[in-house]
Amino acid sequence: MEAKKNLVIFAALLMVAAIGIEMVAAGDMCGLSISDLMACKPAVSGTKPLPPSANCCAALSKADLPCLCTFKNSPMLSMYKINSTLAMDLPSKCKLHSPNCGA
């Protein structure tokens, strides 16, 4: 029974990751293009992330920020070596209203 439960959880995680990859591959993730996402990557990855660039903040200003909450705990973030805590802090670092993503 435990193995079946774990398989269902694993399958659900794979579906979430596949949907996220498909959205990124299509070039749109909450109003952000791939180039927009790449502009922000140095600010959300690595052991010594950089402050967000002007290009990153400009991209975030046109994004659907509440939509980004859906990716807060997504395995897709770690797959791309993105620190979710840093990613959730980006709007405030860009002096934008941070969405309330809940717990």
PDB file of N, CA and C in Angstrom:
ATOM      1  N   MET A   1       0.821  -1.189   0.000  1.00  0.00           N
ATOM      2  CA  MET A   1       0.000   0.000   0.000  1.00  0.00           C
ATOM      3  C   MET A   1       0.869   1.260   0.000  1.00  0.00           C
ATOM      4  N   GLU A   2       1.923   1.262   0.823  1.00  0.00           N
ATOM      5  CA  GLU A   2       2.834   2.420   0.894  1.00  0.00           C
ATOM      6  C   GLU A   2       3.514   2.656  -0.456  1.00  0.00           C
ATOM      7  N   ALA A   3       3.894   1.583  -1.124  1.00  0.00           N
ATOM      8  CA  ALA A   3       4.547   1.713  -2.429  1.00  0.00           C
ATOM      9  C   ALA A   3       3.594   2.353  -3.442  1.00  0.00           C
ATOM     10  N   LYS A   4       2.325   1.973  -3.400  1.00  0.00           N
ATOM     11  CA  LYS A   4       1.334   2.537  -4.318  1.00  0.00           C
ATOM     12  C   LYS A   4       1.152   4.028  -4.047  1.00  0.00           C
ATOM     13  N   LYS A   5       1.112   4.409  -2.776  1.00  0.00           N
ATOM     14  CA  LYS A   5       0.968   5.817  -2.391  1.00  0.00           C
ATOM     15  C   LYS A   5       2.170   6.617  -2.891  1.00  0.00           C
ATOM     16  N   ASN A   6       3.367   6.073  -2.712  1.00  0.00           N
ATOM     17  CA  ASN A   6       4.579   6.760  -3.174  1.00  0.00           C
ATOM     18  C   ASN A   6       4.591   6.895  -4.693  1.00  0.00           C
ATOM     19  N   LEU A   7       4.104   5.883  -5.394  1.00  0.00           N
ATOM     20  CA  LEU A   7       4.041   5.933  -6.850  1.00  0.00           C
ATOM     21  C   LEU A   7       3.079   7.032  -7.307  1.00  0.00           C
ATOM     22  N   VAL A   8       1.945   7.162  -6.629  1.00  0.00           N
ATOM     23  CA  VAL A   8       0.979   8.206  -6.970  1.00  0.00           C
ATOM     24  C   VAL A   8       1.581   9.589  -6.733  1.00  0.00           C
ATOM     25  N   ILE A   9       2.271   9.769  -5.628  1.00  0.00           N
ATOM     26  CA  ILE A   9       2.916  11.052  -5.328  1.00  0.00           C
ATOM     27  C   ILE A   9       3.980  11.358  -6.369  1.00  0.00           C
ATOM     28  N   PHE A  10       4.785  10.358  -6.715  1.00  0.00           N
ATOM     29  CA  PHE A  10       5.831  10.539  -7.723  1.00  0.00           C
ATOM     30  C   PHE A  10       5.225  10.925  -9.071  1.00  0.00           C
ATOM     31  N   ALA A  11       4.144  10.240  -9.460  1.00  0.00           N
ATOM     32  CA  ALA A  11       3.488  10.540 -10.732  1.00  0.00           C
ATOM     33  C   ALA A  11       2.941  11.972 -10.733  1.00  0.00           C
ATOM     34  N   ALA A  12       2.378  12.402  -9.602  1.00  0.00           N
ATOM     35  CA  ALA A  12       1.857  13.768  -9.504  1.00  0.00           C
ATOM     36  C   ALA A  12       2.981  14.793  -9.646  1.00  0.00           C
ATOM     37  N   LEU A  13       4.114  14.531  -9.008  1.00  0.00           N
ATOM     38  CA  LEU A  13       5.264  15.442  -9.133  1.00  0.00           C
ATOM     39  C   LEU A  13       5.774  15.505 -10.564  1.00  0.00           C
ATOM     40  N   LEU A  14       5.795  14.358 -11.231  1.00  0.00           N
ATOM     41  CA  LEU A  14       6.226  14.340 -12.633  1.00  0.00           C
ATOM     42  C   LEU A  14       5.283  15.169 -13.500  1.00  0.00           C
ATOM     43  N   MET A  15       3.997  15.087 -13.240  1.00  0.00           N
ATOM     44  CA  MET A  15       3.037  15.868 -14.020  1.00  0.00           C
ATOM     45  C   MET A  15       3.239  17.360 -13.788  1.00  0.00           C
ATOM     46  N   VAL A  16       3.455  17.757 -12.543  1.00  0.00           N
ATOM     47  CA  VAL A  16       3.698  19.171 -12.236  1.00  0.00           C
ATOM     48  C   VAL A  16       4.954  19.647 -12.955  1.00  0.00           C
ATOM     49  N   ALA A  17       6.017  18.846 -12.899  1.00  0.00           N
ATOM     50  CA  ALA A  17       7.266  19.218 -13.572  1.00  0.00           C
ATOM     51  C   ALA A  17       7.063  19.297 -15.078  1.00  0.00           C
ATOM     52  N   ALA A  18       6.343  18.357 -15.645  1.00  0.00           N
ATOM     53  CA  ALA A  18       6.111  18.350 -17.093  1.00  0.00           C
ATOM     54  C   ALA A  18       5.319  19.573 -17.532  1.00  0.00           C
ATOM     55  N   ILE A  19       4.307  19.941 -16.754  1.00  0.00           N
ATOM     56  CA  ILE A  19       3.520  21.132 -17.083  1.00  0.00           C
ATOM     57  C   ILE A  19       4.400  22.375 -17.021  1.00  0.00           C
ATOM     58  N   GLY A  20       5.224  22.468 -15.996  1.00  0.00           N
ATOM     59  CA  GLY A  20       6.121  23.617 -15.865  1.00  0.00           C
ATOM     60  C   GLY A  20       7.124  23.689 -16.995  1.00  0.00           C
ATOM     61  N   ILE A  21       7.700  22.542 -17.368  1.00  0.00           N
ATOM     62  CA  ILE A  21       8.667  22.507 -18.470  1.00  0.00           C
ATOM     63  C   ILE A  21       7.984  22.901 -19.764  1.00  0.00           C
ATOM     64  N   GLU A  22       6.758  22.422 -19.958  1.00  0.00           N
ATOM     65  CA  GLU A  22       6.021  22.750 -21.166  1.00  0.00           C
ATOM     66  C   GLU A  22       5.755  24.247 -21.241  1.00  0.00           C
ATOM     67  N   MET A  23       5.414  24.853 -20.117  1.00  0.00           N
ATOM     68  CA  MET A  23       5.166  26.295 -20.098  1.00  0.00           C
ATOM     69  C   MET A  23       6.429  27.067 -20.427  1.00  0.00           C
ATOM     70  N   VAL A  24       7.559  26.649 -19.852  1.00  0.00           N
ATOM     71  CA  VAL A  24       8.823  27.332 -20.128  1.00  0.00           C
ATOM     72  C   VAL A  24       9.236  27.112 -21.570  1.00  0.00           C
ATOM     73  N   ALA A  25       9.074  25.888 -22.058  1.00  0.00           N
ATOM     74  CA  ALA A  25       9.429  25.592 -23.444  1.00  0.00           C
ATOM     75  C   ALA A  25       8.584  26.412 -24.409  1.00  0.00           C
ATOM     76  N   ALA A  26       7.333  26.654 -24.040  1.00  0.00           N
ATOM     77  CA  ALA A  26       6.458  27.460 -24.883  1.00  0.00           C
ATOM     78  C   ALA A  26       6.842  28.936 -24.807  1.00  0.00           C
ATOM     79  N   GLY A  27       7.693  29.282 -23.860  1.00  0.00           N
ATOM     80  CA  GLY A  27       8.188  30.649 -23.771  1.00  0.00           C
ATOM     81  C   GLY A  27       7.336  31.561 -22.916  1.00  0.00           C
ATOM     82  N   ASP A  28       6.432  30.999 -22.137  1.00  0.00           N
ATOM     83  CA  ASP A  28       5.596  31.852 -21.305  1.00  0.00           C
ATOM     84  C   ASP A  28       5.383  31.203 -19.948  1.00  0.00           C
ATOM     85  N   MET A  29       5.858  31.873 -18.935  1.00  0.00           N
ATOM     86  CA  MET A  29       5.638  31.413 -17.570  1.00  0.00           C
ATOM     87  C   MET A  29       5.189  32.618 -16.785  1.00  0.00           C
ATOM     88  N   CYS A  30       3.892  32.732 -16.603  1.00  0.00           N
ATOM     89  CA  CYS A  30       3.310  33.850 -15.853  1.00  0.00           C
ATOM     90  C   CYS A  30       3.643  35.200 -16.471  1.00  0.00           C
ATOM     91  N   GLY A  31       3.692  35.233 -17.778  1.00  0.00           N
ATOM     92  CA  GLY A  31       3.979  36.478 -18.477  1.00  0.00           C
ATOM     93  C   GLY A  31       5.454  36.756 -18.697  1.00  0.00           C
ATOM     94  N   LEU A  32       6.308  35.811 -18.319  1.00  0.00           N
ATOM     95  CA  LEU A  32       7.753  35.978 -18.497  1.00  0.00           C
ATOM     96  C   LEU A  32       8.239  35.094 -19.642  1.00  0.00           C
ATOM     97  N   SER A  33       9.043  35.670 -20.507  1.00  0.00           N
ATOM     98  CA  SER A  33       9.656  34.892 -21.586  1.00  0.00           C
ATOM     99  C   SER A  33      10.900  34.187 -21.054  1.00  0.00           C
ATOM    100  N   ILE A  34      11.458  33.334 -21.858  1.00  0.00           N
ATOM    101  CA  ILE A  34      12.689  32.647 -21.456  1.00  0.00           C
ATOM    102  C   ILE A  34      13.804  33.660 -21.202  1.00  0.00           C
ATOM    103  N   SER A  35      13.901  34.679 -22.052  1.00  0.00           N
ATOM    104  CA  SER A  35      14.958  35.682 -21.840  1.00  0.00           C
ATOM    105  C   SER A  35      14.710  36.469 -20.553  1.00  0.00           C
ATOM    106  N   ASP A  36      13.439  36.710 -20.217  1.00  0.00           N
ATOM    107  CA  ASP A  36      13.125  37.369 -18.941  1.00  0.00           C
ATOM    108  C   ASP A  36      13.587  36.508 -17.779  1.00  0.00           C
ATOM    109  N   LEU A  37      13.270  35.201 -17.856  1.00  0.00           N
ATOM    110  CA  LEU A  37      13.673  34.278 -16.794  1.00  0.00           C
ATOM    111  C   LEU A  37      15.188  34.228 -16.654  1.00  0.00           C
ATOM    112  N   MET A  38      15.882  34.209 -17.783  1.00  0.00           N
ATOM    113  CA  MET A  38      17.344  34.139 -17.745  1.00  0.00           C
ATOM    114  C   MET A  38      17.947  35.416 -17.164  1.00  0.00           C
ATOM    115  N   ALA A  39      17.287  36.547 -17.353  1.00  0.00           N
ATOM    116  CA  ALA A  39      17.782  37.808 -16.783  1.00  0.00           C
ATOM    117  C   ALA A  39      17.779  37.752 -15.261  1.00  0.00           C
ATOM    118  N   CYS A  40      16.865  36.957 -14.697  1.00  0.00           N
ATOM    119  CA  CYS A  40      16.750  36.868 -13.241  1.00  0.00           C
ATOM    120  C   CYS A  40      17.542  35.711 -12.636  1.00  0.00           C
ATOM    121  N   LYS A  41      17.993  34.782 -13.449  1.00  0.00           N
ATOM    122  CA  LYS A  41      18.636  33.588 -12.899  1.00  0.00           C
ATOM    123  C   LYS A  41      19.847  33.900 -12.013  1.00  0.00           C
ATOM    124  N   PRO A  42      20.727  34.852 -12.350  1.00  0.00           N
ATOM    125  CA  PRO A  42      21.876  35.123 -11.461  1.00  0.00           C
ATOM    126  C   PRO A  42      21.460  35.593 -10.056  1.00  0.00           C
ATOM    127  N   ALA A  43      20.251  36.098  -9.934  1.00  0.00           N
ATOM    128  CA  ALA A  43      19.774  36.593  -8.633  1.00  0.00           C
ATOM    129  C   ALA A  43      19.111  35.506  -7.798  1.00  0.00           C
ATOM    130  N   VAL A  44      18.887  34.339  -8.389  1.00  0.00           N
ATOM    131  CA  VAL A  44      18.168  33.287  -7.672  1.00  0.00           C
ATOM    132  C   VAL A  44      18.902  31.945  -7.668  1.00  0.00           C
ATOM    133  N   SER A  45      20.161  31.963  -8.058  1.00  0.00           N
ATOM    134  CA  SER A  45      20.901  30.699  -8.094  1.00  0.00           C
ATOM    135  C   SER A  45      22.340  30.909  -7.645  1.00  0.00           C
ATOM    136  N   GLY A  46      22.980  29.801  -7.323  1.00  0.00           N
ATOM    137  CA  GLY A  46      24.378  29.836  -6.906  1.00  0.00           C
ATOM    138  C   GLY A  46      24.534  30.110  -5.424  1.00  0.00           C
ATOM    139  N   THR A  47      25.766  29.985  -4.965  1.00  0.00           N
ATOM    140  CA  THR A  47      26.037  30.196  -3.545  1.00  0.00           C
ATOM    141  C   THR A  47      26.138  31.681  -3.187  1.00  0.00           C
ATOM    142  N   LYS A  48      26.453  32.512  -4.169  1.00  0.00           N
ATOM    143  CA  LYS A  48      26.535  33.956  -3.948  1.00  0.00           C
ATOM    144  C   LYS A  48      25.727  34.668  -5.029  1.00  0.00           C
ATOM    145  N   PRO A  49      24.397  34.647  -4.894  1.00  0.00           N
ATOM    146  CA  PRO A  49      23.568  35.271  -5.929  1.00  0.00           C
ATOM    147  C   PRO A  49      23.797  36.774  -6.000  1.00  0.00           C
ATOM    148  N   LEU A  50      23.670  37.288  -7.202  1.00  0.00           N
ATOM    149  CA  LEU A  50      23.825  38.720  -7.443  1.00  0.00           C
ATOM    150  C   LEU A  50      22.511  39.446  -7.160  1.00  0.00           C
ATOM    151  N   PRO A  51      22.574  40.742  -6.939  1.00  0.00           N
ATOM    152  CA  PRO A  51      21.317  41.502  -6.841  1.00  0.00           C
ATOM    153  C   PRO A  51      20.598  41.428  -8.190  1.00  0.00           C
ATOM    154  N   PRO A  52      19.264  41.525  -8.197  1.00  0.00           N
ATOM    155  CA  PRO A  52      18.564  41.467  -9.482  1.00  0.00           C
ATOM    156  C   PRO A  52      18.970  42.641 -10.373  1.00  0.00           C
ATOM    157  N   SER A  53      19.141  42.351 -11.644  1.00  0.00           N
ATOM    158  CA  SER A  53      19.527  43.382 -12.616  1.00  0.00           C
ATOM    159  C   SER A  53      18.311  44.246 -12.969  1.00  0.00           C
ATOM    160  N   ALA A  54      18.589  45.365 -13.616  1.00  0.00           N
ATOM    161  CA  ALA A  54      17.500  46.235 -14.077  1.00  0.00           C
ATOM    162  C   ALA A  54      16.612  45.476 -15.057  1.00  0.00           C
ATOM    163  N   ASN A  55      17.216  44.637 -15.922  1.00  0.00           N
ATOM    164  CA  ASN A  55      16.429  43.852 -16.872  1.00  0.00           C
ATOM    165  C   ASN A  55      15.521  42.858 -16.147  1.00  0.00           C
ATOM    166  N   CYS A  56      16.037  42.235 -15.099  1.00  0.00           N
ATOM    167  CA  CYS A  56      15.249  41.296 -14.311  1.00  0.00           C
ATOM    168  C   CYS A  56      14.056  42.017 -13.689  1.00  0.00           C
ATOM    169  N   CYS A  57      14.297  43.144 -13.060  1.00  0.00           N
ATOM    170  CA  CYS A  57      13.220  43.896 -12.397  1.00  0.00           C
ATOM    171  C   CYS A  57      12.193  44.402 -13.413  1.00  0.00           C
ATOM    172  N   ALA A  58      12.654  44.810 -14.580  1.00  0.00           N
ATOM    173  CA  ALA A  58      11.726  45.257 -15.627  1.00  0.00           C
ATOM    174  C   ALA A  58      10.838  44.096 -16.065  1.00  0.00           C
ATOM    175  N   ALA A  59      11.418  42.917 -16.198  1.00  0.00           N
ATOM    176  CA  ALA A  59      10.644  41.727 -16.573  1.00  0.00           C
ATOM    177  C   ALA A  59       9.624  41.387 -15.493  1.00  0.00           C
ATOM    178  N   LEU A  60      10.057  41.426 -14.228  1.00  0.00           N
ATOM    179  CA  LEU A  60       9.144  41.111 -13.123  1.00  0.00           C
ATOM    180  C   LEU A  60       7.994  42.113 -13.042  1.00  0.00           C
ATOM    181  N   SER A  61       8.252  43.357 -13.418  1.00  0.00           N
ATOM    182  CA  SER A  61       7.215  44.378 -13.314  1.00  0.00           C
ATOM    183  C   SER A  61       6.050  44.104 -14.261  1.00  0.00           C
ATOM    184  N   LYS A  62       6.274  43.324 -15.310  1.00  0.00           N
ATOM    185  CA  LYS A  62       5.190  43.005 -16.247  1.00  0.00           C
ATOM    186  C   LYS A  62       4.659  41.580 -16.047  1.00  0.00           C
ATOM    187  N   ALA A  63       5.216  40.856 -15.083  1.00  0.00           N
ATOM    188  CA  ALA A  63       4.810  39.471 -14.838  1.00  0.00           C
ATOM    189  C   ALA A  63       3.550  39.392 -13.990  1.00  0.00           C
ATOM    190  N   ASP A  64       2.888  38.268 -14.077  1.00  0.00           N
ATOM    191  CA  ASP A  64       1.747  37.952 -13.214  1.00  0.00           C
ATOM    192  C   ASP A  64       2.332  37.355 -11.939  1.00  0.00           C
ATOM    193  N   LEU A  65       2.639  38.204 -10.968  1.00  0.00           N
ATOM    194  CA  LEU A  65       3.335  37.756  -9.756  1.00  0.00           C
ATOM    195  C   LEU A  65       2.550  36.717  -8.950  1.00  0.00           C
ATOM    196  N   PRO A  66       1.237  36.860  -8.763  1.00  0.00           N
ATOM    197  CA  PRO A  66       0.526  35.785  -8.045  1.00  0.00           C
ATOM    198  C   PRO A  66       0.634  34.429  -8.758  1.00  0.00           C
ATOM    199  N   CYS A  67       0.707  34.438 -10.065  1.00  0.00           N
ATOM    200  CA  CYS A  67       0.879  33.202 -10.833  1.00  0.00           C
ATOM    201  C   CYS A  67       2.182  32.516 -10.454  1.00  0.00           C
ATOM    202  N   LEU A  68       3.218  33.301 -10.179  1.00  0.00           N
ATOM    203  CA  LEU A  68       4.519  32.722  -9.831  1.00  0.00           C
ATOM    204  C   LEU A  68       4.454  31.920  -8.529  1.00  0.00           C
ATOM    205  N   CYS A  69       3.477  32.224  -7.688  1.00  0.00           N
ATOM    206  CA  CYS A  69       3.316  31.466  -6.438  1.00  0.00           C
ATOM    207  C   CYS A  69       3.079  29.987  -6.700  1.00  0.00           C
ATOM    208  N   THR A  70       2.498  29.668  -7.841  1.00  0.00           N
ATOM    209  CA  THR A  70       2.222  28.263  -8.140  1.00  0.00           C
ATOM    210  C   THR A  70       3.501  27.458  -8.315  1.00  0.00           C
ATOM    211  N   PHE A  71       4.607  28.137  -8.531  1.00  0.00           N
ATOM    212  CA  PHE A  71       5.887  27.455  -8.712  1.00  0.00           C
ATOM    213  C   PHE A  71       6.735  27.447  -7.450  1.00  0.00           C
ATOM    214  N   LYS A  72       6.212  28.022  -6.368  1.00  0.00           N
ATOM    215  CA  LYS A  72       6.994  28.182  -5.130  1.00  0.00           C
ATOM    216  C   LYS A  72       7.638  26.876  -4.656  1.00  0.00           C
ATOM    217  N   ASN A  73       6.892  25.810  -4.656  1.00  0.00           N
ATOM    218  CA  ASN A  73       7.413  24.526  -4.187  1.00  0.00           C
ATOM    219  C   ASN A  73       7.580  23.521  -5.315  1.00  0.00           C
ATOM    220  N   SER A  74       7.690  24.009  -6.521  1.00  0.00           N
ATOM    221  CA  SER A  74       7.785  23.136  -7.684  1.00  0.00           C
ATOM    222  C   SER A  74       9.166  22.479  -7.775  1.00  0.00           C
ATOM    223  N   PRO A  75       9.205  21.188  -8.087  1.00  0.00           N
ATOM    224  CA  PRO A  75      10.497  20.527  -8.295  1.00  0.00           C
ATOM    225  C   PRO A  75      11.227  21.097  -9.508  1.00  0.00           C
ATOM    226  N   MET A  76      10.489  21.810 -10.365  1.00  0.00           N
ATOM    227  CA  MET A  76      11.107  22.410 -11.539  1.00  0.00           C
ATOM    228  C   MET A  76      12.183  23.429 -11.139  1.00  0.00           C
ATOM    229  N   LEU A  77      11.958  24.144 -10.041  1.00  0.00           N
ATOM    230  CA  LEU A  77      12.931  25.152  -9.615  1.00  0.00           C
ATOM    231  C   LEU A  77      14.277  24.517  -9.294  1.00  0.00           C
ATOM    232  N   SER A  78      14.259  23.465  -8.512  1.00  0.00           N
ATOM    233  CA  SER A  78      15.528  22.828  -8.160  1.00  0.00           C
ATOM    234  C   SER A  78      16.163  22.175  -9.380  1.00  0.00           C
ATOM    235  N   MET A  79      15.340  21.731 -10.319  1.00  0.00           N
ATOM    236  CA  MET A  79      15.870  21.135 -11.542  1.00  0.00           C
ATOM    237  C   MET A  79      16.714  22.165 -12.309  1.00  0.00           C
ATOM    238  N   TYR A  80      16.304  23.419 -12.257  1.00  0.00           N
ATOM    239  CA  TYR A  80      17.043  24.494 -12.920  1.00  0.00           C
ATOM    240  C   TYR A  80      17.987  25.219 -11.962  1.00  0.00           C
ATOM    241  N   LYS A  81      18.206  24.625 -10.786  1.00  0.00           N
ATOM    242  CA  LYS A  81      19.108  25.166  -9.768  1.00  0.00           C
ATOM    243  C   LYS A  81      18.693  26.569  -9.317  1.00  0.00           C
ATOM    244  N   ILE A  82      17.386  26.748  -9.145  1.00  0.00           N
ATOM    245  CA  ILE A  82      16.831  28.013  -8.673  1.00  0.00           C
ATOM    246  C   ILE A  82      16.440  27.851  -7.217  1.00  0.00           C
ATOM    247  N   ASN A  83      16.912  28.761  -6.386  1.00  0.00           N
ATOM    248  CA  ASN A  83      16.579  28.760  -4.967  1.00  0.00           C
ATOM    249  C   ASN A  83      15.213  29.423  -4.810  1.00  0.00           C
ATOM    250  N   SER A  84      14.218  28.645  -4.377  1.00  0.00           N
ATOM    251  CA  SER A  84      12.853  29.174  -4.304  1.00  0.00           C
ATOM    252  C   SER A  84      12.722  30.331  -3.321  1.00  0.00           C
ATOM    253  N   THR A  85      13.485  30.299  -2.236  1.00  0.00           N
ATOM    254  CA  THR A  85      13.431  31.406  -1.266  1.00  0.00           C
ATOM    255  C   THR A  85      13.916  32.698  -1.915  1.00  0.00           C
ATOM    256  N   LEU A  86      15.022  32.611  -2.648  1.00  0.00           N
ATOM    257  CA  LEU A  86      15.532  33.799  -3.351  1.00  0.00           C
ATOM    258  C   LEU A  86      14.548  34.264  -4.416  1.00  0.00           C
ATOM    259  N   ALA A  87      13.931  33.316  -5.106  1.00  0.00           N
ATOM    260  CA  ALA A  87      12.970  33.670  -6.153  1.00  0.00           C
ATOM    261  C   ALA A  87      11.764  34.402  -5.566  1.00  0.00           C
ATOM    262  N   MET A  88      11.289  33.954  -4.409  1.00  0.00           N
ATOM    263  CA  MET A  88      10.130  34.600  -3.786  1.00  0.00           C
ATOM    264  C   MET A  88      10.483  35.986  -3.232  1.00  0.00           C
ATOM    265  N   ASP A  89      11.774  36.228  -2.996  1.00  0.00           N
ATOM    266  CA  ASP A  89      12.225  37.534  -2.500  1.00  0.00           C
ATOM    267  C   ASP A  89      12.467  38.546  -3.618  1.00  0.00           C
ATOM    268  N   LEU A  90      12.506  38.077  -4.868  1.00  0.00           N
ATOM    269  CA  LEU A  90      12.830  38.979  -5.980  1.00  0.00           C
ATOM    270  C   LEU A  90      11.900  40.186  -6.097  1.00  0.00           C
ATOM    271  N   PRO A  91      10.586  40.014  -6.026  1.00  0.00           N
ATOM    272  CA  PRO A  91       9.738  41.213  -6.177  1.00  0.00           C
ATOM    273  C   PRO A  91      10.096  42.319  -5.178  1.00  0.00           C
ATOM    274  N   SER A  92      10.293  41.967  -3.922  1.00  0.00           N
ATOM    275  CA  SER A  92      10.621  43.016  -2.950  1.00  0.00           C
ATOM    276  C   SER A  92      11.988  43.630  -3.232  1.00  0.00           C
ATOM    277  N   LYS A  93      12.928  42.821  -3.707  1.00  0.00           N
ATOM    278  CA  LYS A  93      14.247  43.368  -4.051  1.00  0.00           C
ATOM    279  C   LYS A  93      14.159  44.313  -5.242  1.00  0.00           C
ATOM    280  N   CYS A  94      13.138  44.113  -6.080  1.00  0.00           N
ATOM    281  CA  CYS A  94      12.919  44.998  -7.228  1.00  0.00           C
ATOM    282  C   CYS A  94      11.942  46.125  -6.891  1.00  0.00           C
ATOM    283  N   LYS A  95      11.614  46.249  -5.598  1.00  0.00           N
ATOM    284  CA  LYS A  95      10.693  47.282  -5.122  1.00  0.00           C
ATOM    285  C   LYS A  95       9.307  47.144  -5.761  1.00  0.00           C
ATOM    286  N   LEU A  96       8.876  45.891  -5.911  1.00  0.00           N
ATOM    287  CA  LEU A  96       7.543  45.588  -6.409  1.00  0.00           C
ATOM    288  C   LEU A  96       6.726  44.985  -5.270  1.00  0.00           C
ATOM    289  N   HIS A  97       5.422  45.038  -5.407  1.00  0.00           N
ATOM    290  CA  HIS A  97       4.551  44.435  -4.395  1.00  0.00           C
ATOM    291  C   HIS A  97       4.692  42.922  -4.473  1.00  0.00           C
ATOM    292  N   SER A  98       5.115  42.293  -3.392  1.00  0.00           N
ATOM    293  CA  SER A  98       5.281  40.839  -3.358  1.00  0.00           C
ATOM    294  C   SER A  98       3.924  40.174  -3.174  1.00  0.00           C
ATOM    295  N   PRO A  99       3.662  39.144  -3.978  1.00  0.00           N
ATOM    296  CA  PRO A  99       2.385  38.445  -3.810  1.00  0.00           C
ATOM    297  C   PRO A  99       2.376  37.647  -2.512  1.00  0.00           C
ATOM    298  N   ASN A 100       1.209  37.466  -1.960  1.00  0.00           N
ATOM    299  CA  ASN A 100       1.064  36.645  -0.765  1.00  0.00           C
ATOM    300  C   ASN A 100       0.878  35.205  -1.233  1.00  0.00           C
ATOM    301  N   CYS A 101       1.967  34.417  -1.152  1.00  0.00           N
ATOM    302  CA  CYS A 101       1.930  33.045  -1.642  1.00  0.00           C
ATOM    303  C   CYS A 101       1.460  32.058  -0.587  1.00  0.00           C
ATOM    304  N   GLY A 102       1.145  32.514   0.597  1.00  0.00           N
ATOM    305  CA  GLY A 102       0.699  31.607   1.650  1.00  0.00           C
ATOM    306  C   GLY A 102       1.843  30.760   2.168  1.00  0.00           C
ATOM    307  N   ALA A 103       1.499  29.703   2.860  1.00  0.00           N
ATOM    308  CA  ALA A 103       2.509  28.841   3.480  1.00  0.00           C
ATOM    309  C   ALA A 103       3.137  27.912   2.499  1.00  0.00           C
TER     310      ALA A 103
END
